[in-house]
Structures are given as structure tokens and as C-alpha cells.
Amino acid sequence: MDPEWNDSQPIYRQIRDRVVAMILDGLLKEGDPLPSVRTVATESRVNPLTVLKAYQQLEGDGLVEKK
């Protein structure tokens, strides 16, 4: 994930939107695991809790499920 952030919205929301884009573009298919929280946090240079919040929002929206 590209670590360029837009100041107009929270970073966790931008991470969420990027994961949604990956799903829509077919980079993540049904049943595929999401990139690990630590990996995304390291590559994006953000706190792991920020990534976790994005993933929790995806789960809350029903876009992904936790197994």
C-alpha cells in the first residue's frame, strides 16, 4: 500500500478505502486473507492500531469476515 496520505480524511478510513479498491479490482478475492496488520502498518508507516481500526470497520460494514 502506498504510504501517501490525504489530510482530508482519517488514515484508517483511507486504508479501508484502499482495501475496498483492492477487492473491487480483483486483487483480493473471496476467501483471500487480508494483508496482515503488521505488514500494512510497516509498509504504510502507521500505527498497527490504525490498520486494525480500518479492518474492524471493514468487518462492521460486512465487507470482510473474521475467521
PDB file of N, CA and C in Angstrom:
ATOM      1  N   MET A   1       0.835  -1.189   0.000  1.00  0.00           N
ATOM      2  CA  MET A   1       0.000   0.000   0.000  1.00  0.00           C
ATOM      3  C   MET A   1       0.877   1.249   0.000  1.00  0.00           C
ATOM      4  N   ASP A   2       0.453   2.196  -0.758  1.00  0.00           N
ATOM      5  CA  ASP A   2       1.189   3.449  -0.896  1.00  0.00           C
ATOM      6  C   ASP A   2       1.060   4.289   0.378  1.00  0.00           C
ATOM      7  N   PRO A   3       2.178   4.723   0.965  1.00  0.00           N
ATOM      8  CA  PRO A   3       2.104   5.476   2.211  1.00  0.00           C
ATOM      9  C   PRO A   3       1.777   6.964   2.044  1.00  0.00           C
ATOM     10  N   GLU A   4       1.264   7.382   0.904  1.00  0.00           N
ATOM     11  CA  GLU A   4       0.859   8.774   0.712  1.00  0.00           C
ATOM     12  C   GLU A   4      -0.542   8.960   1.276  1.00  0.00           C
ATOM     13  N   TRP A   5      -0.687   9.922   2.175  1.00  0.00           N
ATOM     14  CA  TRP A   5      -1.970  10.128   2.843  1.00  0.00           C
ATOM     15  C   TRP A   5      -2.560  11.485   2.502  1.00  0.00           C
ATOM     16  N   ASN A   6      -3.854  11.523   2.414  1.00  0.00           N
ATOM     17  CA  ASN A   6      -4.611  12.739   2.151  1.00  0.00           C
ATOM     18  C   ASN A   6      -5.069  13.296   3.499  1.00  0.00           C
ATOM     19  N   ASP A   7      -4.871  14.567   3.731  1.00  0.00           N
ATOM     20  CA  ASP A   7      -5.237  15.175   5.011  1.00  0.00           C
ATOM     21  C   ASP A   7      -6.735  15.395   5.177  1.00  0.00           C
ATOM     22  N   SER A   8      -7.521  15.131   4.145  1.00  0.00           N
ATOM     23  CA  SER A   8      -8.948  15.423   4.208  1.00  0.00           C
ATOM     24  C   SER A   8      -9.766  14.378   4.972  1.00  0.00           C
ATOM     25  N   GLN A   9      -9.189  13.196   5.217  1.00  0.00           N
ATOM     26  CA  GLN A   9      -9.910  12.177   5.975  1.00  0.00           C
ATOM     27  C   GLN A   9      -8.928  11.352   6.792  1.00  0.00           C
ATOM     28  N   PRO A  10      -9.433  10.683   7.849  1.00  0.00           N
ATOM     29  CA  PRO A  10      -8.546   9.899   8.721  1.00  0.00           C
ATOM     30  C   PRO A  10      -7.824   8.786   7.947  1.00  0.00           C
ATOM     31  N   ILE A  11      -6.615   8.456   8.421  1.00  0.00           N
ATOM     32  CA  ILE A  11      -5.807   7.432   7.757  1.00  0.00           C
ATOM     33  C   ILE A  11      -6.500   6.075   7.769  1.00  0.00           C
ATOM     34  N   TYR A  12      -7.153   5.720   8.898  1.00  0.00           N
ATOM     35  CA  TYR A  12      -7.820   4.412   8.942  1.00  0.00           C
ATOM     36  C   TYR A  12      -8.880   4.317   7.855  1.00  0.00           C
ATOM     37  N   ARG A  13      -9.544   5.430   7.553  1.00  0.00           N
ATOM     38  CA  ARG A  13     -10.574   5.452   6.516  1.00  0.00           C
ATOM     39  C   ARG A  13      -9.933   5.278   5.135  1.00  0.00           C
ATOM     40  N   GLN A  14      -8.773   5.876   4.941  1.00  0.00           N
ATOM     41  CA  GLN A  14      -8.068   5.733   3.671  1.00  0.00           C
ATOM     42  C   GLN A  14      -7.584   4.300   3.470  1.00  0.00           C
ATOM     43  N   ILE A  15      -7.131   3.667   4.548  1.00  0.00           N
ATOM     44  CA  ILE A  15      -6.715   2.255   4.459  1.00  0.00           C
ATOM     45  C   ILE A  15      -7.921   1.396   4.105  1.00  0.00           C
ATOM     46  N   ARG A  16      -9.042   1.658   4.755  1.00  0.00           N
ATOM     47  CA  ARG A  16     -10.275   0.927   4.464  1.00  0.00           C
ATOM     48  C   ARG A  16     -10.637   1.075   2.989  1.00  0.00           C
ATOM     49  N   ASP A  17     -10.588   2.307   2.492  1.00  0.00           N
ATOM     50  CA  ASP A  17     -10.937   2.565   1.092  1.00  0.00           C
ATOM     51  C   ASP A  17      -9.984   1.849   0.141  1.00  0.00           C
ATOM     52  N   ARG A  18      -8.713   1.766   0.511  1.00  0.00           N
ATOM     53  CA  ARG A  18      -7.734   1.074  -0.338  1.00  0.00           C
ATOM     54  C   ARG A  18      -8.002  -0.424  -0.382  1.00  0.00           C
ATOM     55  N   VAL A  19      -8.404  -0.995   0.740  1.00  0.00           N
ATOM     56  CA  VAL A  19      -8.739  -2.423   0.759  1.00  0.00           C
ATOM     57  C   VAL A  19      -9.986  -2.666  -0.086  1.00  0.00           C
ATOM     58  N   VAL A  20     -10.974  -1.788   0.020  1.00  0.00           N
ATOM     59  CA  VAL A  20     -12.179  -1.911  -0.813  1.00  0.00           C
ATOM     60  C   VAL A  20     -11.794  -1.850  -2.288  1.00  0.00           C
ATOM     61  N   ALA A  21     -10.901  -0.934  -2.642  1.00  0.00           N
ATOM     62  CA  ALA A  21     -10.445  -0.835  -4.035  1.00  0.00           C
ATOM     63  C   ALA A  21      -9.747  -2.121  -4.476  1.00  0.00           C
ATOM     64  N   MET A  22      -8.961  -2.723  -3.582  1.00  0.00           N
ATOM     65  CA  MET A  22      -8.290  -3.983  -3.910  1.00  0.00           C
ATOM     66  C   MET A  22      -9.310  -5.090  -4.169  1.00  0.00           C
ATOM     67  N   ILE A  23     -10.390  -5.089  -3.395  1.00  0.00           N
ATOM     68  CA  ILE A  23     -11.449  -6.085  -3.598  1.00  0.00           C
ATOM     69  C   ILE A  23     -12.133  -5.842  -4.938  1.00  0.00           C
ATOM     70  N   LEU A  24     -12.491  -4.585  -5.209  1.00  0.00           N
ATOM     71  CA  LEU A  24     -13.186  -4.260  -6.458  1.00  0.00           C
ATOM     72  C   LEU A  24     -12.322  -4.511  -7.691  1.00  0.00           C
ATOM     73  N   ASP A  25     -11.004  -4.310  -7.561  1.00  0.00           N
ATOM     74  CA  ASP A  25     -10.088  -4.534  -8.669  1.00  0.00           C
ATOM     75  C   ASP A  25      -9.729  -6.005  -8.852  1.00  0.00           C
ATOM     76  N   GLY A  26     -10.191  -6.864  -7.946  1.00  0.00           N
ATOM     77  CA  GLY A  26      -9.925  -8.289  -8.053  1.00  0.00           C
ATOM     78  C   GLY A  26      -8.588  -8.716  -7.479  1.00  0.00           C
ATOM     79  N   LEU A  27      -7.897  -7.799  -6.805  1.00  0.00           N
ATOM     80  CA  LEU A  27      -6.623  -8.163  -6.190  1.00  0.00           C
ATOM     81  C   LEU A  27      -6.840  -9.027  -4.950  1.00  0.00           C
ATOM     82  N   LEU A  28      -7.962  -8.829  -4.290  1.00  0.00           N
ATOM     83  CA  LEU A  28      -8.373  -9.687  -3.172  1.00  0.00           C
ATOM     84  C   LEU A  28      -9.683 -10.353  -3.571  1.00  0.00           C
ATOM     85  N   LYS A  29      -9.673 -11.663  -3.563  1.00  0.00           N
ATOM     86  CA  LYS A  29     -10.869 -12.414  -3.939  1.00  0.00           C
ATOM     87  C   LYS A  29     -11.519 -13.002  -2.691  1.00  0.00           C
ATOM     88  N   GLU A  30     -12.742 -13.455  -2.849  1.00  0.00           N
ATOM     89  CA  GLU A  30     -13.458 -14.065  -1.735  1.00  0.00           C
ATOM     90  C   GLU A  30     -12.640 -15.219  -1.179  1.00  0.00           C
ATOM     91  N   GLY A  31     -12.444 -15.212   0.134  1.00  0.00           N
ATOM     92  CA  GLY A  31     -11.685 -16.257   0.795  1.00  0.00           C
ATOM     93  C   GLY A  31     -10.216 -15.918   0.994  1.00  0.00           C
ATOM     94  N   ASP A  32      -9.725 -14.914   0.269  1.00  0.00           N
ATOM     95  CA  ASP A  32      -8.332 -14.490   0.453  1.00  0.00           C
ATOM     96  C   ASP A  32      -8.171 -13.787   1.796  1.00  0.00           C
ATOM     97  N   PRO A  33      -7.054 -14.030   2.471  1.00  0.00           N
ATOM     98  CA  PRO A  33      -6.816 -13.288   3.714  1.00  0.00           C
ATOM     99  C   PRO A  33      -6.393 -11.851   3.399  1.00  0.00           C
ATOM    100  N   LEU A  34      -6.742 -10.951   4.287  1.00  0.00           N
ATOM    101  CA  LEU A  34      -6.274  -9.573   4.162  1.00  0.00           C
ATOM    102  C   LEU A  34      -4.783  -9.535   4.488  1.00  0.00           C
ATOM    103  N   PRO A  35      -4.071  -8.564   3.959  1.00  0.00           N
ATOM    104  CA  PRO A  35      -2.669  -8.423   4.373  1.00  0.00           C
ATOM    105  C   PRO A  35      -2.607  -8.249   5.889  1.00  0.00           C
ATOM    106  N   SER A  36      -1.572  -8.768   6.512  1.00  0.00           N
ATOM    107  CA  SER A  36      -1.501  -8.708   7.974  1.00  0.00           C
ATOM    108  C   SER A  36      -1.424  -7.266   8.458  1.00  0.00           C
ATOM    109  N   VAL A  37      -1.955  -7.059   9.651  1.00  0.00           N
ATOM    110  CA  VAL A  37      -1.964  -5.730  10.261  1.00  0.00           C
ATOM    111  C   VAL A  37      -0.534  -5.205  10.358  1.00  0.00           C
ATOM    112  N   ARG A  38       0.373  -6.039  10.813  1.00  0.00           N
ATOM    113  CA  ARG A  38       1.768  -5.604  10.971  1.00  0.00           C
ATOM    114  C   ARG A  38       2.407  -5.238   9.642  1.00  0.00           C
ATOM    115  N   THR A  39       2.145  -6.026   8.618  1.00  0.00           N
ATOM    116  CA  THR A  39       2.717  -5.754   7.299  1.00  0.00           C
ATOM    117  C   THR A  39       2.215  -4.421   6.761  1.00  0.00           C
ATOM    118  N   VAL A  40       0.910  -4.224   6.816  1.00  0.00           N
ATOM    119  CA  VAL A  40       0.335  -2.971   6.319  1.00  0.00           C
ATOM    120  C   VAL A  40       0.851  -1.788   7.132  1.00  0.00           C
ATOM    121  N   ALA A  41       0.915  -1.948   8.445  1.00  0.00           N
ATOM    122  CA  ALA A  41       1.393  -0.867   9.303  1.00  0.00           C
ATOM    123  C   ALA A  41       2.841  -0.507   8.968  1.00  0.00           C
ATOM    124  N   THR A  42       3.672  -1.504   8.774  1.00  0.00           N
ATOM    125  CA  THR A  42       5.080  -1.256   8.461  1.00  0.00           C
ATOM    126  C   THR A  42       5.230  -0.596   7.096  1.00  0.00           C
ATOM    127  N   GLU A  43       4.564  -1.150   6.093  1.00  0.00           N
ATOM    128  CA  GLU A  43       4.674  -0.605   4.736  1.00  0.00           C
ATOM    129  C   GLU A  43       4.079   0.796   4.629  1.00  0.00           C
ATOM    130  N   SER A  44       3.027   1.052   5.399  1.00  0.00           N
ATOM    131  CA  SER A  44       2.336   2.340   5.325  1.00  0.00           C
ATOM    132  C   SER A  44       2.867   3.352   6.330  1.00  0.00           C
ATOM    133  N   ARG A  45       3.767   2.875   7.195  1.00  0.00           N
ATOM    134  CA  ARG A  45       4.354   3.721   8.231  1.00  0.00           C
ATOM    135  C   ARG A  45       3.292   4.339   9.135  1.00  0.00           C
ATOM    136  N   VAL A  46       2.365   3.489   9.605  1.00  0.00           N
ATOM    137  CA  VAL A  46       1.340   3.911  10.551  1.00  0.00           C
ATOM    138  C   VAL A  46       1.320   2.955  11.731  1.00  0.00           C
ATOM    139  N   ASN A  47       0.636   3.357  12.773  1.00  0.00           N
ATOM    140  CA  ASN A  47       0.483   2.533  13.960  1.00  0.00           C
ATOM    141  C   ASN A  47      -0.382   1.313  13.619  1.00  0.00           C
ATOM    142  N   PRO A  48      -0.035   0.124  14.110  1.00  0.00           N
ATOM    143  CA  PRO A  48      -0.865  -1.061  13.851  1.00  0.00           C
ATOM    144  C   PRO A  48      -2.314  -0.884  14.300  1.00  0.00           C
ATOM    145  N   LEU A  49      -2.552  -0.091  15.330  1.00  0.00           N
ATOM    146  CA  LEU A  49      -3.931   0.136  15.779  1.00  0.00           C
ATOM    147  C   LEU A  49      -4.757   0.872  14.723  1.00  0.00           C
ATOM    148  N   THR A  50      -4.102   1.688  13.913  1.00  0.00           N
ATOM    149  CA  THR A  50      -4.784   2.387  12.824  1.00  0.00           C
ATOM    150  C   THR A  50      -5.263   1.383  11.785  1.00  0.00           C
ATOM    151  N   VAL A  51      -4.409   0.434  11.447  1.00  0.00           N
ATOM    152  CA  VAL A  51      -4.779  -0.609  10.481  1.00  0.00           C
ATOM    153  C   VAL A  51      -5.876  -1.482  11.064  1.00  0.00           C
ATOM    154  N   LEU A  52      -5.750  -1.822  12.334  1.00  0.00           N
ATOM    155  CA  LEU A  52      -6.761  -2.644  12.996  1.00  0.00           C
ATOM    156  C   LEU A  52      -8.121  -1.955  12.967  1.00  0.00           C
ATOM    157  N   LYS A  53      -8.138  -0.659  13.201  1.00  0.00           N
ATOM    158  CA  LYS A  53      -9.396   0.094  13.161  1.00  0.00           C
ATOM    159  C   LYS A  53     -10.009   0.046  11.765  1.00  0.00           C
ATOM    160  N   ALA A  54      -9.176   0.150  10.732  1.00  0.00           N
ATOM    161  CA  ALA A  54      -9.661   0.057   9.357  1.00  0.00           C
ATOM    162  C   ALA A  54     -10.265  -1.325   9.101  1.00  0.00           C
ATOM    163  N   TYR A  55      -9.577  -2.370   9.555  1.00  0.00           N
ATOM    164  CA  TYR A  55     -10.066  -3.734   9.359  1.00  0.00           C
ATOM    165  C   TYR A  55     -11.361  -3.967  10.135  1.00  0.00           C
ATOM    166  N   GLN A  56     -11.459  -3.405  11.327  1.00  0.00           N
ATOM    167  CA  GLN A  56     -12.687  -3.535  12.110  1.00  0.00           C
ATOM    168  C   GLN A  56     -13.849  -2.841  11.412  1.00  0.00           C
ATOM    169  N   GLN A  57     -13.577  -1.717  10.774  1.00  0.00           N
ATOM    170  CA  GLN A  57     -14.625  -1.020  10.046  1.00  0.00           C
ATOM    171  C   GLN A  57     -15.078  -1.854   8.844  1.00  0.00           C
ATOM    172  N   LEU A  58     -14.131  -2.472   8.155  1.00  0.00           N
ATOM    173  CA  LEU A  58     -14.485  -3.349   7.038  1.00  0.00           C
ATOM    174  C   LEU A  58     -15.371  -4.497   7.507  1.00  0.00           C
ATOM    175  N   GLU A  59     -15.031  -5.063   8.652  1.00  0.00           N
ATOM    176  CA  GLU A  59     -15.828  -6.157   9.209  1.00  0.00           C
ATOM    177  C   GLU A  59     -17.209  -5.658   9.617  1.00  0.00           C
ATOM    178  N   GLY A  60     -17.260  -4.498  10.250  1.00  0.00           N
ATOM    179  CA  GLY A  60     -18.532  -3.914  10.666  1.00  0.00           C
ATOM    180  C   GLY A  60     -19.430  -3.590   9.486  1.00  0.00           C
ATOM    181  N   ASP A  61     -18.826  -3.221   8.362  1.00  0.00           N
ATOM    182  CA  ASP A  61     -19.584  -2.915   7.145  1.00  0.00           C
ATOM    183  C   ASP A  61     -20.023  -4.175   6.411  1.00  0.00           C
ATOM    184  N   GLY A  62     -19.549  -5.342   6.872  1.00  0.00           N
ATOM    185  CA  GLY A  62     -19.917  -6.603   6.234  1.00  0.00           C
ATOM    186  C   GLY A  62     -19.130  -6.900   4.974  1.00  0.00           C
ATOM    187  N   LEU A  63     -18.029  -6.201   4.743  1.00  0.00           N
ATOM    188  CA  LEU A  63     -17.229  -6.429   3.543  1.00  0.00           C
ATOM    189  C   LEU A  63     -16.244  -7.566   3.697  1.00  0.00           C
ATOM    190  N   VAL A  64     -15.837  -7.831   4.924  1.00  0.00           N
ATOM    191  CA  VAL A  64     -14.943  -8.953   5.222  1.00  0.00           C
ATOM    192  C   VAL A  64     -15.486  -9.660   6.458  1.00  0.00           C
ATOM    193  N   GLU A  65     -15.044 -10.877   6.649  1.00  0.00           N
ATOM    194  CA  GLU A  65     -15.431 -11.589   7.863  1.00  0.00           C
ATOM    195  C   GLU A  65     -14.200 -12.153   8.538  1.00  0.00           C
ATOM    196  N   LYS A  66     -14.282 -12.212   9.841  1.00  0.00           N
ATOM    197  CA  LYS A  66     -13.179 -12.683  10.646  1.00  0.00           C
ATOM    198  C   LYS A  66     -13.333 -14.185  10.873  1.00  0.00           C
ATOM    199  N   LYS A  67     -12.246 -14.920  10.688  1.00  0.00           N
ATOM    200  CA  LYS A  67     -12.298 -16.375  10.899  1.00  0.00           C
ATOM    201  C   LYS A  67     -11.291 -16.752  11.950  1.00  0.00           C
TER     202      LYS A  67
END
